[in-house]
Full PDB file with SEQRES, HELIX, SHEET, SSBOND, CRYST1, ORIGX, SCALE, CONECT and MASTER records, all heavy atoms in Angstrom:
SEQRES   1 A   33  ALA LEU ASP ALA GLN PHE ASP TYR PRO VAL ARG LEU ILE          
SEQRES   2 A   33  PRO VAL GLU VAL ALA ARG LEU SER ALA ASP GLN ARG ALA          
SEQRES   3 A   33  ARG VAL ALA ARG GLY GLU VAL                                  
HELIX    1 AA1 LEU A    2  GLN A    5  1                                   4    
HELIX    2 AA2 ALA A   22  ALA A   29  1                                   8    
CRYST1    1.000    1.000    1.000  90.00  90.00  90.00 P 1           1          
ORIGX1      1.000000  0.000000  0.000000        0.00000                         
ORIGX2      0.000000  1.000000  0.000000        0.00000                         
ORIGX3      0.000000  0.000000  1.000000        0.00000                         
SCALE1      1.000000  0.000000  0.000000        0.00000                         
SCALE2      0.000000  1.000000  0.000000        0.00000                         
SCALE3      0.000000  0.000000  1.000000        0.00000                         
ATOM      1  N   ALA A   1      -7.237 -14.247  -3.259  1.00  0.00           N  
ATOM      2  CA  ALA A   1      -7.475 -14.767  -4.604  1.00  0.00           C  
ATOM      3  C   ALA A   1      -6.690 -13.981  -5.648  1.00  0.00           C  
ATOM      4  O   ALA A   1      -6.093 -14.543  -6.578  1.00  0.00           O  
ATOM      5  CB  ALA A   1      -8.960 -14.726  -4.928  1.00  0.00           C  
ATOM      6  N   LEU A   2      -6.663 -12.642  -5.473  1.00  0.00           N  
ATOM      7  CA  LEU A   2      -5.904 -11.811  -6.411  1.00  0.00           C  
ATOM      8  C   LEU A   2      -4.398 -12.080  -6.316  1.00  0.00           C  
ATOM      9  O   LEU A   2      -3.686 -12.096  -7.314  1.00  0.00           O  
ATOM     10  CB  LEU A   2      -6.174 -10.324  -6.142  1.00  0.00           C  
ATOM     11  CG  LEU A   2      -7.609  -9.844  -6.458  1.00  0.00           C  
ATOM     12  CD1 LEU A   2      -7.798  -8.408  -5.973  1.00  0.00           C  
ATOM     13  CD2 LEU A   2      -7.883  -9.949  -7.955  1.00  0.00           C  
ATOM     14  N   ASP A   3      -3.918 -12.305  -5.076  1.00  0.00           N  
ATOM     15  CA  ASP A   3      -2.494 -12.561  -4.877  1.00  0.00           C  
ATOM     16  C   ASP A   3      -2.063 -13.832  -5.612  1.00  0.00           C  
ATOM     17  O   ASP A   3      -0.943 -13.909  -6.132  1.00  0.00           O  
ATOM     18  CB  ASP A   3      -2.212 -12.693  -3.386  1.00  0.00           C  
ATOM     19  CG  ASP A   3      -0.738 -12.906  -3.106  1.00  0.00           C  
ATOM     20  OD1 ASP A   3       0.087 -12.039  -3.495  1.00  0.00           O  
ATOM     21  OD2 ASP A   3      -0.382 -13.935  -2.514  1.00  0.00           O  
ATOM     22  N   ALA A   4      -2.967 -14.816  -5.660  1.00  0.00           N  
ATOM     23  CA  ALA A   4      -2.655 -16.063  -6.347  1.00  0.00           C  
ATOM     24  C   ALA A   4      -2.651 -15.890  -7.860  1.00  0.00           C  
ATOM     25  O   ALA A   4      -1.981 -16.636  -8.584  1.00  0.00           O  
ATOM     26  CB  ALA A   4      -3.645 -17.151  -5.942  1.00  0.00           C  
ATOM     27  N   GLN A   5      -3.415 -14.889  -8.345  1.00  0.00           N  
ATOM     28  CA  GLN A   5      -3.522 -14.704  -9.792  1.00  0.00           C  
ATOM     29  C   GLN A   5      -2.404 -13.825 -10.377  1.00  0.00           C  
ATOM     30  O   GLN A   5      -2.032 -13.988 -11.525  1.00  0.00           O  
ATOM     31  CB  GLN A   5      -4.889 -14.082 -10.127  1.00  0.00           C  
ATOM     32  CG  GLN A   5      -6.064 -14.996  -9.776  1.00  0.00           C  
ATOM     33  CD  GLN A   5      -7.415 -14.316 -10.004  1.00  0.00           C  
ATOM     34  OE1 GLN A   5      -7.475 -13.165 -10.452  1.00  0.00           O  
ATOM     35  NE2 GLN A   5      -8.494 -15.013  -9.697  1.00  0.00           N  
ATOM     36  N   PHE A   6      -1.897 -12.887  -9.571  1.00  0.00           N  
ATOM     37  CA  PHE A   6      -0.889 -11.940 -10.074  1.00  0.00           C  
ATOM     38  C   PHE A   6       0.525 -12.534  -9.940  1.00  0.00           C  
ATOM     39  O   PHE A   6       0.781 -13.391  -9.087  1.00  0.00           O  
ATOM     40  CB  PHE A   6      -0.955 -10.615  -9.290  1.00  0.00           C  
ATOM     41  CG  PHE A   6      -2.068  -9.713  -9.768  1.00  0.00           C  
ATOM     42  CD1 PHE A   6      -3.400  -9.957  -9.417  1.00  0.00           C  
ATOM     43  CD2 PHE A   6      -1.777  -8.632 -10.590  1.00  0.00           C  
ATOM     44  CE1 PHE A   6      -4.420  -9.133  -9.857  1.00  0.00           C  
ATOM     45  CE2 PHE A   6      -2.804  -7.809 -11.021  1.00  0.00           C  
ATOM     46  CZ  PHE A   6      -4.124  -8.051 -10.674  1.00  0.00           C  
ATOM     47  N   ASP A   7       1.443 -12.051 -10.783  1.00  0.00           N  
ATOM     48  CA  ASP A   7       2.831 -12.493 -10.739  1.00  0.00           C  
ATOM     49  C   ASP A   7       3.613 -11.824  -9.608  1.00  0.00           C  
ATOM     50  O   ASP A   7       4.743 -12.226  -9.308  1.00  0.00           O  
ATOM     51  CB  ASP A   7       3.547 -12.200 -12.063  1.00  0.00           C  
ATOM     52  CG  ASP A   7       3.033 -13.110 -13.180  1.00  0.00           C  
ATOM     53  OD1 ASP A   7       2.547 -14.213 -12.840  1.00  0.00           O  
ATOM     54  OD2 ASP A   7       3.132 -12.727 -14.360  1.00  0.00           O  
ATOM     55  N   TYR A   8       3.056 -10.802  -9.010  1.00  0.00           N  
ATOM     56  CA  TYR A   8       3.688 -10.117  -7.890  1.00  0.00           C  
ATOM     57  C   TYR A   8       2.713 -10.110  -6.710  1.00  0.00           C  
ATOM     58  O   TYR A   8       1.505 -10.277  -6.895  1.00  0.00           O  
ATOM     59  CB  TYR A   8       4.099  -8.694  -8.282  1.00  0.00           C  
ATOM     60  CG  TYR A   8       3.020  -7.913  -9.004  1.00  0.00           C  
ATOM     61  CD1 TYR A   8       2.002  -7.251  -8.280  1.00  0.00           C  
ATOM     62  CD2 TYR A   8       2.998  -7.838 -10.387  1.00  0.00           C  
ATOM     63  CE1 TYR A   8       1.024  -6.551  -8.943  1.00  0.00           C  
ATOM     64  CE2 TYR A   8       2.018  -7.135 -11.048  1.00  0.00           C  
ATOM     65  CZ  TYR A   8       1.029  -6.491 -10.326  1.00  0.00           C  
ATOM     66  OH  TYR A   8       0.043  -5.802 -10.973  1.00  0.00           O  
ATOM     67  N   PRO A   9       3.218  -9.914  -5.512  1.00  0.00           N  
ATOM     68  CA  PRO A   9       2.352  -9.983  -4.332  1.00  0.00           C  
ATOM     69  C   PRO A   9       1.293  -8.889  -4.335  1.00  0.00           C  
ATOM     70  O   PRO A   9       1.549  -7.745  -4.734  1.00  0.00           O  
ATOM     71  CB  PRO A   9       3.324  -9.801  -3.157  1.00  0.00           C  
ATOM     72  CG  PRO A   9       4.677 -10.166  -3.694  1.00  0.00           C  
ATOM     73  CD  PRO A   9       4.641  -9.759  -5.134  1.00  0.00           C  
ATOM     74  N   VAL A  10       0.123  -9.249  -3.836  1.00  0.00           N  
ATOM     75  CA  VAL A  10      -0.988  -8.320  -3.606  1.00  0.00           C  
ATOM     76  C   VAL A  10      -1.436  -8.536  -2.173  1.00  0.00           C  
ATOM     77  O   VAL A  10      -1.885  -9.634  -1.815  1.00  0.00           O  
ATOM     78  CB  VAL A  10      -2.160  -8.546  -4.583  1.00  0.00           C  
ATOM     79  CG1 VAL A  10      -3.306  -7.583  -4.274  1.00  0.00           C  
ATOM     80  CG2 VAL A  10      -1.693  -8.387  -6.024  1.00  0.00           C  
ATOM     81  N   ARG A  11      -1.295  -7.456  -1.324  1.00  0.00           N  
ATOM     82  CA  ARG A  11      -1.586  -7.625   0.096  1.00  0.00           C  
ATOM     83  C   ARG A  11      -2.269  -6.401   0.652  1.00  0.00           C  
ATOM     84  O   ARG A  11      -2.229  -5.322   0.043  1.00  0.00           O  
ATOM     85  CB  ARG A  11      -0.290  -7.870   0.884  1.00  0.00           C  
ATOM     86  CG  ARG A  11       0.376  -9.212   0.608  1.00  0.00           C  
ATOM     87  CD  ARG A  11       1.749  -9.262   1.271  1.00  0.00           C  
ATOM     88  NE  ARG A  11       2.694  -8.356   0.623  1.00  0.00           N  
ATOM     89  CZ  ARG A  11       3.866  -8.001   1.138  1.00  0.00           C  
ATOM     90  NH1 ARG A  11       4.240  -8.485   2.319  1.00  0.00           N  
ATOM     91  NH2 ARG A  11       4.672  -7.173   0.483  1.00  0.00           N  
ATOM     92  N   LEU A  12      -2.904  -6.627   1.821  1.00  0.00           N  
ATOM     93  CA  LEU A  12      -3.410  -5.525   2.638  1.00  0.00           C  
ATOM     94  C   LEU A  12      -2.528  -5.425   3.876  1.00  0.00           C  
ATOM     95  O   LEU A  12      -2.290  -6.422   4.561  1.00  0.00           O  
ATOM     96  CB  LEU A  12      -4.860  -5.775   3.053  1.00  0.00           C  
ATOM     97  CG  LEU A  12      -5.900  -5.745   1.926  1.00  0.00           C  
ATOM     98  CD1 LEU A  12      -7.269  -6.154   2.466  1.00  0.00           C  
ATOM     99  CD2 LEU A  12      -5.982  -4.365   1.303  1.00  0.00           C  
ATOM    100  N   ILE A  13      -1.981  -4.243   4.151  1.00  0.00           N  
ATOM    101  CA  ILE A  13      -1.105  -4.085   5.309  1.00  0.00           C  
ATOM    102  C   ILE A  13      -1.563  -2.903   6.135  1.00  0.00           C  
ATOM    103  O   ILE A  13      -2.191  -1.961   5.614  1.00  0.00           O  
ATOM    104  CB  ILE A  13       0.357  -3.850   4.864  1.00  0.00           C  
ATOM    105  CG1 ILE A  13       0.462  -2.562   4.032  1.00  0.00           C  
ATOM    106  CG2 ILE A  13       0.887  -5.030   4.064  1.00  0.00           C  
ATOM    107  CD1 ILE A  13       1.894  -2.147   3.733  1.00  0.00           C  
ATOM    108  N   PRO A  14      -1.308  -2.935   7.460  1.00  0.00           N  
ATOM    109  CA  PRO A  14      -1.648  -1.770   8.294  1.00  0.00           C  
ATOM    110  C   PRO A  14      -0.843  -0.550   7.862  1.00  0.00           C  
ATOM    111  O   PRO A  14       0.288  -0.653   7.371  1.00  0.00           O  
ATOM    112  CB  PRO A  14      -1.245  -2.221   9.701  1.00  0.00           C  
ATOM    113  CG  PRO A  14      -1.230  -3.708   9.643  1.00  0.00           C  
ATOM    114  CD  PRO A  14      -0.807  -4.062   8.247  1.00  0.00           C  
ATOM    115  N   VAL A  15      -1.408   0.598   8.069  1.00  0.00           N  
ATOM    116  CA  VAL A  15      -0.750   1.849   7.670  1.00  0.00           C  
ATOM    117  C   VAL A  15       0.578   2.031   8.395  1.00  0.00           C  
ATOM    118  O   VAL A  15       1.565   2.468   7.809  1.00  0.00           O  
ATOM    119  CB  VAL A  15      -1.682   3.049   7.945  1.00  0.00           C  
ATOM    120  CG1 VAL A  15      -0.956   4.370   7.651  1.00  0.00           C  
ATOM    121  CG2 VAL A  15      -2.935   2.953   7.090  1.00  0.00           C  
ATOM    122  N   GLU A  16       0.601   1.637   9.706  1.00  0.00           N  
ATOM    123  CA  GLU A  16       1.838   1.856  10.466  1.00  0.00           C  
ATOM    124  C   GLU A  16       2.980   0.937  10.035  1.00  0.00           C  
ATOM    125  O   GLU A  16       4.138   1.205  10.310  1.00  0.00           O  
ATOM    126  CB  GLU A  16       1.582   1.666  11.963  1.00  0.00           C  
ATOM    127  CG  GLU A  16       1.053   0.296  12.340  1.00  0.00           C  
ATOM    128  CD  GLU A  16      -0.477   0.235  12.285  1.00  0.00           C  
ATOM    129  OE1 GLU A  16      -1.087   1.191  11.732  1.00  0.00           O  
ATOM    130  OE2 GLU A  16      -1.035  -0.747  12.786  1.00  0.00           O  
ATOM    131  N   VAL A  17       2.662  -0.160   9.358  1.00  0.00           N  
ATOM    132  CA  VAL A  17       3.710  -1.086   8.891  1.00  0.00           C  
ATOM    133  C   VAL A  17       4.303  -0.623   7.566  1.00  0.00           C  
ATOM    134  O   VAL A  17       5.435  -0.978   7.219  1.00  0.00           O  
ATOM    135  CB  VAL A  17       3.125  -2.507   8.769  1.00  0.00           C  
ATOM    136  CG1 VAL A  17       4.159  -3.479   8.204  1.00  0.00           C  
ATOM    137  CG2 VAL A  17       2.623  -2.988  10.118  1.00  0.00           C  
ATOM    138  N   ALA A  18       3.574   0.150   6.820  1.00  0.00           N  
ATOM    139  CA  ALA A  18       4.032   0.604   5.505  1.00  0.00           C  
ATOM    140  C   ALA A  18       5.312   1.432   5.641  1.00  0.00           C  
ATOM    141  O   ALA A  18       5.456   2.239   6.556  1.00  0.00           O  
ATOM    142  CB  ALA A  18       2.938   1.403   4.806  1.00  0.00           C  
ATOM    143  N   ARG A  19       6.246   1.244   4.699  1.00  0.00           N  
ATOM    144  CA  ARG A  19       7.516   1.969   4.703  1.00  0.00           C  
ATOM    145  C   ARG A  19       7.351   3.312   3.992  1.00  0.00           C  
ATOM    146  O   ARG A  19       7.888   3.548   2.915  1.00  0.00           O  
ATOM    147  CB  ARG A  19       8.598   1.145   4.024  1.00  0.00           C  
ATOM    148  CG  ARG A  19       8.804  -0.223   4.647  1.00  0.00           C  
ATOM    149  CD  ARG A  19       9.770  -1.050   3.819  1.00  0.00           C  
ATOM    150  NE  ARG A  19       9.929  -2.402   4.350  1.00  0.00           N  
ATOM    151  CZ  ARG A  19      10.646  -3.352   3.785  1.00  0.00           C  
ATOM    152  NH1 ARG A  19      11.292  -3.088   2.644  1.00  0.00           N  
ATOM    153  NH2 ARG A  19      10.744  -4.548   4.331  1.00  0.00           N  
ATOM    154  N   LEU A  20       6.539   4.167   4.646  1.00  0.00           N  
ATOM    155  CA  LEU A  20       6.229   5.467   4.048  1.00  0.00           C  
ATOM    156  C   LEU A  20       6.554   6.570   5.034  1.00  0.00           C  
ATOM    157  O   LEU A  20       6.440   6.410   6.247  1.00  0.00           O  
ATOM    158  CB  LEU A  20       4.751   5.544   3.659  1.00  0.00           C  
ATOM    159  CG  LEU A  20       4.253   4.536   2.616  1.00  0.00           C  
ATOM    160  CD1 LEU A  20       2.753   4.670   2.432  1.00  0.00           C  
ATOM    161  CD2 LEU A  20       4.980   4.740   1.290  1.00  0.00           C  
ATOM    162  N   SER A  21       6.976   7.691   4.483  1.00  0.00           N  
ATOM    163  CA  SER A  21       7.191   8.876   5.309  1.00  0.00           C  
ATOM    164  C   SER A  21       5.862   9.560   5.577  1.00  0.00           C  
ATOM    165  O   SER A  21       4.817   9.182   5.011  1.00  0.00           O  
ATOM    166  CB  SER A  21       8.154   9.826   4.598  1.00  0.00           C  
ATOM    167  OG  SER A  21       7.576  10.284   3.369  1.00  0.00           O  
ATOM    168  N   ALA A  22       5.885  10.551   6.423  1.00  0.00           N  
ATOM    169  CA  ALA A  22       4.651  11.280   6.747  1.00  0.00           C  
ATOM    170  C   ALA A  22       4.097  11.960   5.514  1.00  0.00           C  
ATOM    171  O   ALA A  22       2.862  11.981   5.296  1.00  0.00           O  
ATOM    172  CB  ALA A  22       4.945  12.306   7.852  1.00  0.00           C  
ATOM    173  N   ASP A  23       4.963  12.517   4.675  1.00  0.00           N  
ATOM    174  CA  ASP A  23       4.505  13.178   3.452  1.00  0.00           C  
ATOM    175  C   ASP A  23       3.861  12.185   2.508  1.00  0.00           C  
ATOM    176  O   ASP A  23       2.823  12.475   1.904  1.00  0.00           O  
ATOM    177  CB  ASP A  23       5.692  13.866   2.775  1.00  0.00           C  
ATOM    178  CG  ASP A  23       5.285  14.538   1.473  1.00  0.00           C  
ATOM    179  OD1 ASP A  23       4.511  15.516   1.531  1.00  0.00           O  
ATOM    180  OD2 ASP A  23       5.729  14.080   0.396  1.00  0.00           O  
ATOM    181  N   GLN A  24       4.499  10.979   2.394  1.00  0.00           N  
ATOM    182  CA  GLN A  24       3.935   9.966   1.501  1.00  0.00           C  
ATOM    183  C   GLN A  24       2.587   9.457   2.021  1.00  0.00           C  
ATOM    184  O   GLN A  24       1.675   9.187   1.232  1.00  0.00           O  
ATOM    185  CB  GLN A  24       4.929   8.811   1.353  1.00  0.00           C  
ATOM    186  CG  GLN A  24       6.160   9.170   0.529  1.00  0.00           C  
ATOM    187  CD  GLN A  24       7.186   8.057   0.520  1.00  0.00           C  
ATOM    188  OE1 GLN A  24       7.287   7.300   1.490  1.00  0.00           O  
ATOM    189  NE2 GLN A  24       7.969   7.967  -0.560  1.00  0.00           N  
ATOM    190  N   ARG A  25       2.454   9.319   3.344  1.00  0.00           N  
ATOM    191  CA  ARG A  25       1.160   8.889   3.907  1.00  0.00           C  
ATOM    192  C   ARG A  25       0.072   9.926   3.637  1.00  0.00           C  
ATOM    193  O   ARG A  25      -1.087   9.573   3.342  1.00  0.00           O  
ATOM    194  CB  ARG A  25       1.306   8.667   5.401  1.00  0.00           C  
ATOM    195  CG  ARG A  25       2.163   7.451   5.743  1.00  0.00           C  
ATOM    196  CD  ARG A  25       2.247   7.246   7.235  1.00  0.00           C  
ATOM    197  NE  ARG A  25       3.102   6.103   7.560  1.00  0.00           N  
ATOM    198  CZ  ARG A  25       3.341   5.669   8.785  1.00  0.00           C  
ATOM    199  NH1 ARG A  25       2.804   6.313   9.823  1.00  0.00           N  
ATOM    200  NH2 ARG A  25       4.132   4.627   8.983  1.00  0.00           N  
ATOM    201  N   ALA A  26       0.459  11.180   3.694  1.00  0.00           N  
ATOM    202  CA  ALA A  26      -0.535  12.222   3.414  1.00  0.00           C  
ATOM    203  C   ALA A  26      -0.957  12.167   1.957  1.00  0.00           C  
ATOM    204  O   ALA A  26      -2.147  12.350   1.635  1.00  0.00           O  
ATOM    205  CB  ALA A  26       0.059  13.591   3.749  1.00  0.00           C  
ATOM    206  N   ARG A  27      -0.004  11.914   1.083  1.00  0.00           N  
ATOM    207  CA  ARG A  27      -0.337  11.836  -0.337  1.00  0.00           C  
ATOM    208  C   ARG A  27      -1.219  10.627  -0.617  1.00  0.00           C  
ATOM    209  O   ARG A  27      -2.135  10.684  -1.455  1.00  0.00           O  
ATOM    210  CB  ARG A  27       0.947  11.777  -1.156  1.00  0.00           C  
ATOM    211  CG  ARG A  27       1.726  13.091  -1.155  1.00  0.00           C  
ATOM    212  CD  ARG A  27       3.140  12.909  -1.696  1.00  0.00           C  
ATOM    213  NE  ARG A  27       3.126  12.333  -3.034  1.00  0.00           N  
ATOM    214  CZ  ARG A  27       4.203  11.841  -3.632  1.00  0.00           C  
ATOM    215  NH1 ARG A  27       5.375  11.845  -2.990  1.00  0.00           N  
ATOM    216  NH2 ARG A  27       4.119  11.330  -4.847  1.00  0.00           N  
ATOM    217  N   VAL A  28      -0.919   9.480   0.055  1.00  0.00           N  
ATOM    218  CA  VAL A  28      -1.780   8.302  -0.133  1.00  0.00           C  
ATOM    219  C   VAL A  28      -3.197   8.598   0.339  1.00  0.00           C  
ATOM    220  O   VAL A  28      -4.197   8.185  -0.290  1.00  0.00           O  
ATOM    221  CB  VAL A  28      -1.191   7.094   0.622  1.00  0.00           C  
ATOM    222  CG1 VAL A  28      -2.199   5.952   0.675  1.00  0.00           C  
ATOM    223  CG2 VAL A  28       0.087   6.619  -0.052  1.00  0.00           C  
ATOM    224  N   ALA A  29      -3.301   9.313   1.434  1.00  0.00           N  
ATOM    225  CA  ALA A  29      -4.633   9.643   1.967  1.00  0.00           C  
ATOM    226  C   ALA A  29      -5.410  10.519   1.000  1.00  0.00           C  
ATOM    227  O   ALA A  29      -6.661  10.473   0.977  1.00  0.00           O  
ATOM    228  CB  ALA A  29      -4.485  10.334   3.319  1.00  0.00           C  
ATOM    229  N   ARG A  30      -4.703  11.304   0.199  1.00  0.00           N  
ATOM    230  CA  ARG A  30      -5.389  12.154  -0.785  1.00  0.00           C  
ATOM    231  C   ARG A  30      -5.745  11.385  -2.053  1.00  0.00           C  
ATOM    232  O   ARG A  30      -6.256  11.961  -3.008  1.00  0.00           O  
ATOM    233  CB  ARG A  30      -4.490  13.340  -1.152  1.00  0.00           C  
ATOM    234  CG  ARG A  30      -4.281  14.327  -0.012  1.00  0.00           C  
ATOM    235  CD  ARG A  30      -3.739  15.652  -0.555  1.00  0.00           C  
ATOM    236  NE  ARG A  30      -2.465  15.487  -1.221  1.00  0.00           N  
ATOM    237  CZ  ARG A  30      -1.270  15.629  -0.620  1.00  0.00           C  
ATOM    238  NH1 ARG A  30      -1.218  15.927   0.678  1.00  0.00           N  
ATOM    239  NH2 ARG A  30      -0.168  15.471  -1.296  1.00  0.00           N  
ATOM    240  N   GLY A  31      -5.390  10.082  -2.112  1.00  0.00           N  
ATOM    241  CA  GLY A  31      -5.764   9.260  -3.257  1.00  0.00           C  
ATOM    242  C   GLY A  31      -4.655   9.067  -4.278  1.00  0.00           C  
ATOM    243  O   GLY A  31      -4.897   8.473  -5.338  1.00  0.00           O  
ATOM    244  N   GLU A  32      -3.446   9.506  -3.951  1.00  0.00           N  
ATOM    245  CA  GLU A  32      -2.336   9.323  -4.890  1.00  0.00           C  
ATOM    246  C   GLU A  32      -1.762   7.915  -4.752  1.00  0.00           C  
ATOM    247  O   GLU A  32      -1.875   7.265  -3.718  1.00  0.00           O  
ATOM    248  CB  GLU A  32      -1.231  10.354  -4.612  1.00  0.00           C  
ATOM    249  CG  GLU A  32      -1.651  11.785  -4.868  1.00  0.00           C  
ATOM    250  CD  GLU A  32      -0.496  12.744  -4.682  1.00  0.00           C  
ATOM    251  OE1 GLU A  32       0.669  12.276  -4.788  1.00  0.00           O  
ATOM    252  OE2 GLU A  32      -0.736  13.945  -4.455  1.00  0.00           O  
ATOM    253  N   VAL A  33      -1.130   7.467  -5.840  1.00  0.00           N  
ATOM    254  CA  VAL A  33      -0.437   6.176  -5.844  1.00  0.00           C  
ATOM    255  C   VAL A  33       1.051   6.456  -5.573  1.00  0.00           C  
ATOM    256  O   VAL A  33       1.679   7.270  -6.272  1.00  0.00           O  
ATOM    257  CB  VAL A  33      -0.618   5.450  -7.177  1.00  0.00           C  
ATOM    258  CG1 VAL A  33       0.234   4.174  -7.202  1.00  0.00           C  
ATOM    259  CG2 VAL A  33      -2.089   5.135  -7.417  1.00  0.00           C  
TER     260      VAL A  33                                                      
MASTER        0    0    0    2    0    0    0    6  259    1    0    3          
END                                                                             
């Protein structure tokens, strides 16, 4: 529903699919954007 309302995509993706490095994954886990 949110994806339909926003002008840009809103999705849930598995962690392993995300294009993030190990450092970035650690930062996301700590609550950073």
